[in-house]
């Protein structure tokens, strides 16, 4: 099962959460690991959650759609945070 590293890539507009470009967290199985103790936006996390198990289980083949998923955007129209999703094979 792959570990997913989620990194803030860009912020369009204003986000009330204190995430900055380059901030990241790890999704390892059912655990979320935040090394810098900064909060994670519940709304962004909730909208990302369905994709985590798919990316963790998939083989990551570039020929399959799961191997091409590497970006996610928070649904907040006033402060859209763009995240980069990186598979790390465990």
N, C-alpha and C. Protein backbone atom coordinates (compact mmCIF):
# COMPACT_ATOMS: atom_id res chain seq x y z
N UNK A 1 0.84 -1.18 0.00
CA UNK A 1 0.00 0.00 0.00
C UNK A 1 0.89 1.24 0.00
N UNK A 2 0.58 2.16 -0.88
CA UNK A 2 1.38 3.38 -0.99
C UNK A 2 1.01 4.39 0.07
N UNK A 3 1.97 5.20 0.42
CA UNK A 3 1.75 6.36 1.30
C UNK A 3 1.54 7.55 0.38
N UNK A 4 0.65 8.46 0.76
CA UNK A 4 0.38 9.64 -0.05
C UNK A 4 0.91 10.86 0.68
N UNK A 5 1.77 11.63 0.01
CA UNK A 5 2.24 12.91 0.54
C UNK A 5 1.42 14.00 -0.15
N UNK A 6 0.78 14.85 0.64
CA UNK A 6 -0.07 15.92 0.14
C UNK A 6 0.61 17.25 0.46
N UNK A 7 0.94 18.02 -0.58
CA UNK A 7 1.68 19.27 -0.42
C UNK A 7 0.90 20.42 -1.02
N UNK A 8 0.86 21.55 -0.32
CA UNK A 8 0.22 22.75 -0.86
C UNK A 8 1.09 23.28 -1.99
N UNK A 9 0.50 23.37 -3.17
CA UNK A 9 1.24 23.79 -4.36
C UNK A 9 0.97 25.26 -4.71
N UNK A 10 -0.27 25.70 -4.50
CA UNK A 10 -0.64 27.07 -4.89
C UNK A 10 -1.93 27.44 -4.16
N UNK A 11 -2.12 28.74 -3.91
CA UNK A 11 -3.35 29.22 -3.29
C UNK A 11 -3.90 30.35 -4.16
N UNK A 12 -5.13 30.17 -4.63
CA UNK A 12 -5.81 31.21 -5.41
C UNK A 12 -6.82 31.88 -4.50
N UNK A 13 -6.69 33.16 -4.30
CA UNK A 13 -7.60 33.87 -3.42
C UNK A 13 -7.10 33.85 -1.99
N UNK A 14 -8.04 33.89 -1.04
CA UNK A 14 -7.70 33.92 0.38
C UNK A 14 -8.25 32.69 1.07
N UNK A 15 -7.40 31.98 1.76
CA UNK A 15 -7.79 30.81 2.53
C UNK A 15 -7.63 31.15 4.01
N UNK A 16 -8.65 30.89 4.80
CA UNK A 16 -8.61 31.20 6.23
C UNK A 16 -7.72 30.25 7.02
N UNK A 17 -7.41 29.11 6.44
CA UNK A 17 -6.54 28.15 7.12
C UNK A 17 -5.09 28.60 6.97
N UNK A 18 -4.27 28.33 7.96
CA UNK A 18 -2.89 28.83 7.92
C UNK A 18 -1.93 27.97 7.10
N UNK A 19 -2.40 27.30 6.08
CA UNK A 19 -1.50 26.52 5.24
C UNK A 19 -0.75 27.46 4.30
N UNK A 20 0.51 27.15 4.09
CA UNK A 20 1.36 27.93 3.19
C UNK A 20 1.86 27.04 2.08
N UNK A 21 2.27 27.63 1.00
CA UNK A 21 2.85 26.86 -0.10
C UNK A 21 4.04 26.07 0.43
N UNK A 22 4.06 24.79 0.13
CA UNK A 22 5.12 23.91 0.60
C UNK A 22 4.75 23.10 1.84
N UNK A 23 3.71 23.53 2.58
CA UNK A 23 3.25 22.75 3.73
C UNK A 23 2.73 21.40 3.25
N UNK A 24 2.91 20.37 4.05
CA UNK A 24 2.47 19.05 3.61
C UNK A 24 2.03 18.20 4.79
N UNK A 25 1.36 17.11 4.46
CA UNK A 25 1.03 16.09 5.43
C UNK A 25 1.05 14.75 4.71
N UNK A 26 1.07 13.68 5.49
CA UNK A 26 1.18 12.32 4.96
C UNK A 26 -0.10 11.55 5.29
N UNK A 27 -0.56 10.76 4.33
CA UNK A 27 -1.66 9.83 4.57
C UNK A 27 -1.06 8.43 4.47
N UNK A 28 -1.05 7.74 5.58
CA UNK A 28 -0.46 6.40 5.67
C UNK A 28 -1.55 5.44 6.15
N UNK A 29 -2.15 4.72 5.21
CA UNK A 29 -3.28 3.87 5.56
C UNK A 29 -4.43 4.74 6.03
N UNK A 30 -4.88 4.52 7.25
CA UNK A 30 -5.95 5.33 7.82
C UNK A 30 -5.46 6.45 8.71
N UNK A 31 -4.14 6.70 8.71
CA UNK A 31 -3.57 7.73 9.57
C UNK A 31 -3.19 8.97 8.76
N UNK A 32 -3.40 10.14 9.35
CA UNK A 32 -2.94 11.39 8.78
C UNK A 32 -1.84 11.91 9.69
N UNK A 33 -0.68 12.15 9.13
CA UNK A 33 0.48 12.57 9.91
C UNK A 33 0.87 13.98 9.48
N UNK A 34 0.81 14.91 10.45
CA UNK A 34 1.17 16.30 10.19
C UNK A 34 2.42 16.59 11.01
N UNK A 35 3.53 16.82 10.35
CA UNK A 35 4.80 16.98 11.06
C UNK A 35 4.98 18.39 11.64
N UNK A 36 4.36 19.38 11.03
CA UNK A 36 4.58 20.75 11.49
C UNK A 36 3.49 21.27 12.42
N UNK A 37 2.55 20.40 12.79
CA UNK A 37 1.45 20.73 13.70
C UNK A 37 0.55 21.86 13.22
N UNK A 38 0.53 22.16 11.93
CA UNK A 38 -0.41 23.15 11.43
C UNK A 38 -1.73 22.44 11.12
N UNK A 39 -2.83 23.13 11.31
CA UNK A 39 -4.13 22.50 11.05
C UNK A 39 -4.33 22.17 9.58
N UNK A 40 -5.22 21.24 9.35
CA UNK A 40 -5.64 20.89 7.98
C UNK A 40 -7.10 21.31 7.86
N UNK A 41 -7.44 21.97 6.79
CA UNK A 41 -8.82 22.40 6.57
C UNK A 41 -9.73 21.17 6.47
N UNK A 42 -10.73 21.11 7.34
CA UNK A 42 -11.64 19.99 7.36
C UNK A 42 -12.37 19.83 6.03
N UNK A 43 -12.72 20.93 5.39
CA UNK A 43 -13.48 20.88 4.13
C UNK A 43 -12.61 20.37 2.99
N UNK A 44 -11.38 20.81 2.93
CA UNK A 44 -10.47 20.32 1.89
C UNK A 44 -10.18 18.84 2.12
N UNK A 45 -9.92 18.48 3.37
CA UNK A 45 -9.62 17.09 3.70
C UNK A 45 -10.81 16.18 3.38
N UNK A 46 -12.00 16.62 3.74
CA UNK A 46 -13.20 15.83 3.49
C UNK A 46 -13.41 15.59 1.99
N UNK A 47 -13.12 16.58 1.18
CA UNK A 47 -13.31 16.40 -0.25
C UNK A 47 -12.21 15.55 -0.88
N UNK A 48 -11.03 15.47 -0.24
CA UNK A 48 -9.93 14.64 -0.74
C UNK A 48 -10.05 13.18 -0.32
N UNK A 49 -10.71 12.94 0.80
CA UNK A 49 -10.72 11.61 1.42
C UNK A 49 -11.11 10.47 0.47
N UNK A 50 -12.10 10.63 -0.40
CA UNK A 50 -12.46 9.49 -1.26
C UNK A 50 -11.35 9.04 -2.21
N UNK A 51 -10.44 9.93 -2.56
CA UNK A 51 -9.39 9.56 -3.52
C UNK A 51 -8.21 8.85 -2.85
N UNK A 52 -8.01 9.06 -1.54
CA UNK A 52 -6.85 8.47 -0.86
C UNK A 52 -6.81 6.95 -0.95
N UNK A 53 -7.87 6.22 -0.60
CA UNK A 53 -7.79 4.75 -0.69
C UNK A 53 -7.54 4.26 -2.12
N UNK A 54 -8.10 4.96 -3.09
CA UNK A 54 -7.90 4.57 -4.49
C UNK A 54 -6.43 4.72 -4.87
N UNK A 55 -5.83 5.84 -4.49
CA UNK A 55 -4.42 6.07 -4.82
C UNK A 55 -3.50 5.14 -4.03
N UNK A 56 -3.87 4.82 -2.80
CA UNK A 56 -3.04 3.94 -1.99
C UNK A 56 -3.04 2.52 -2.52
N UNK A 57 -4.16 2.05 -3.02
CA UNK A 57 -4.28 0.67 -3.49
C UNK A 57 -3.84 0.47 -4.93
N UNK A 58 -4.01 1.49 -5.76
CA UNK A 58 -3.71 1.36 -7.19
C UNK A 58 -2.22 1.14 -7.40
N UNK A 59 -1.91 0.49 -8.50
CA UNK A 59 -0.52 0.21 -8.82
C UNK A 59 0.26 1.42 -9.28
N UNK A 60 -0.43 2.51 -9.59
CA UNK A 60 0.27 3.72 -10.01
C UNK A 60 0.74 3.69 -11.44
N UNK A 61 0.23 2.79 -12.23
CA UNK A 61 0.63 2.70 -13.63
C UNK A 61 0.25 3.98 -14.37
N UNK A 62 1.16 4.50 -15.17
CA UNK A 62 0.87 5.72 -15.95
C UNK A 62 -0.18 5.45 -17.01
N UNK A 63 -0.44 4.17 -17.32
CA UNK A 63 -1.47 3.83 -18.30
C UNK A 63 -2.86 3.83 -17.70
N UNK A 64 -2.95 3.78 -16.39
CA UNK A 64 -4.25 3.77 -15.71
C UNK A 64 -4.52 5.18 -15.18
N UNK A 65 -5.79 5.58 -15.09
CA UNK A 65 -6.12 6.94 -14.67
C UNK A 65 -5.59 7.27 -13.29
N UNK A 66 -5.48 6.28 -12.40
CA UNK A 66 -4.98 6.56 -11.05
C UNK A 66 -3.51 6.96 -11.06
N UNK A 67 -2.77 6.52 -12.06
CA UNK A 67 -1.37 6.91 -12.17
C UNK A 67 -1.19 8.33 -12.66
N UNK A 68 -2.26 8.94 -13.13
CA UNK A 68 -2.20 10.30 -13.66
C UNK A 68 -2.76 11.33 -12.68
N UNK A 69 -3.38 10.87 -11.60
CA UNK A 69 -3.94 11.79 -10.60
C UNK A 69 -2.82 12.25 -9.69
N UNK A 70 -2.51 13.53 -9.72
CA UNK A 70 -1.48 14.04 -8.83
C UNK A 70 -1.78 15.45 -8.33
N UNK A 71 -2.96 15.97 -8.66
CA UNK A 71 -3.34 17.30 -8.18
C UNK A 71 -4.76 17.28 -7.67
N UNK A 72 -5.02 18.13 -6.69
CA UNK A 72 -6.35 18.25 -6.13
C UNK A 72 -6.55 19.70 -5.75
N UNK A 73 -7.77 20.21 -5.92
CA UNK A 73 -8.07 21.59 -5.57
C UNK A 73 -9.20 21.62 -4.56
N UNK A 74 -9.01 22.36 -3.50
CA UNK A 74 -10.04 22.56 -2.49
C UNK A 74 -11.26 23.20 -3.16
N UNK A 75 -12.47 22.79 -2.77
CA UNK A 75 -13.67 23.32 -3.42
C UNK A 75 -14.10 24.72 -2.99
N UNK A 76 -13.40 25.35 -2.05
CA UNK A 76 -13.78 26.69 -1.59
C UNK A 76 -13.55 27.71 -2.71
N UNK A 77 -14.59 28.35 -3.22
CA UNK A 77 -14.42 29.27 -4.34
C UNK A 77 -13.69 30.57 -3.98
N UNK A 78 -13.60 30.91 -2.69
CA UNK A 78 -12.94 32.15 -2.28
C UNK A 78 -11.45 31.95 -1.97
N UNK A 79 -11.06 30.75 -1.66
CA UNK A 79 -9.68 30.47 -1.31
C UNK A 79 -9.29 29.09 -1.76
N UNK A 80 -9.18 28.92 -3.05
CA UNK A 80 -8.90 27.59 -3.59
C UNK A 80 -7.44 27.22 -3.38
N UNK A 81 -7.24 26.19 -2.58
CA UNK A 81 -5.89 25.69 -2.31
C UNK A 81 -5.66 24.51 -3.24
N UNK A 82 -4.56 24.55 -3.98
CA UNK A 82 -4.19 23.47 -4.90
C UNK A 82 -3.15 22.61 -4.22
N UNK A 83 -3.41 21.32 -4.20
CA UNK A 83 -2.52 20.35 -3.55
C UNK A 83 -1.89 19.44 -4.59
N UNK A 84 -0.65 19.03 -4.32
CA UNK A 84 0.05 18.04 -5.13
C UNK A 84 0.05 16.74 -4.36
N UNK A 85 -0.45 15.66 -4.97
CA UNK A 85 -0.53 14.35 -4.34
C UNK A 85 0.58 13.46 -4.90
N UNK A 86 1.43 12.97 -4.02
CA UNK A 86 2.57 12.15 -4.44
C UNK A 86 2.50 10.79 -3.79
N UNK A 87 2.51 9.74 -4.63
CA UNK A 87 2.53 8.36 -4.14
C UNK A 87 3.95 8.00 -3.73
N UNK A 88 4.09 7.49 -2.53
CA UNK A 88 5.38 7.01 -2.04
C UNK A 88 5.20 5.53 -1.74
N UNK A 89 5.86 4.69 -2.49
CA UNK A 89 5.71 3.25 -2.28
C UNK A 89 6.33 2.86 -0.95
N UNK A 90 5.59 2.09 -0.15
CA UNK A 90 6.09 1.70 1.18
C UNK A 90 6.82 0.37 1.09
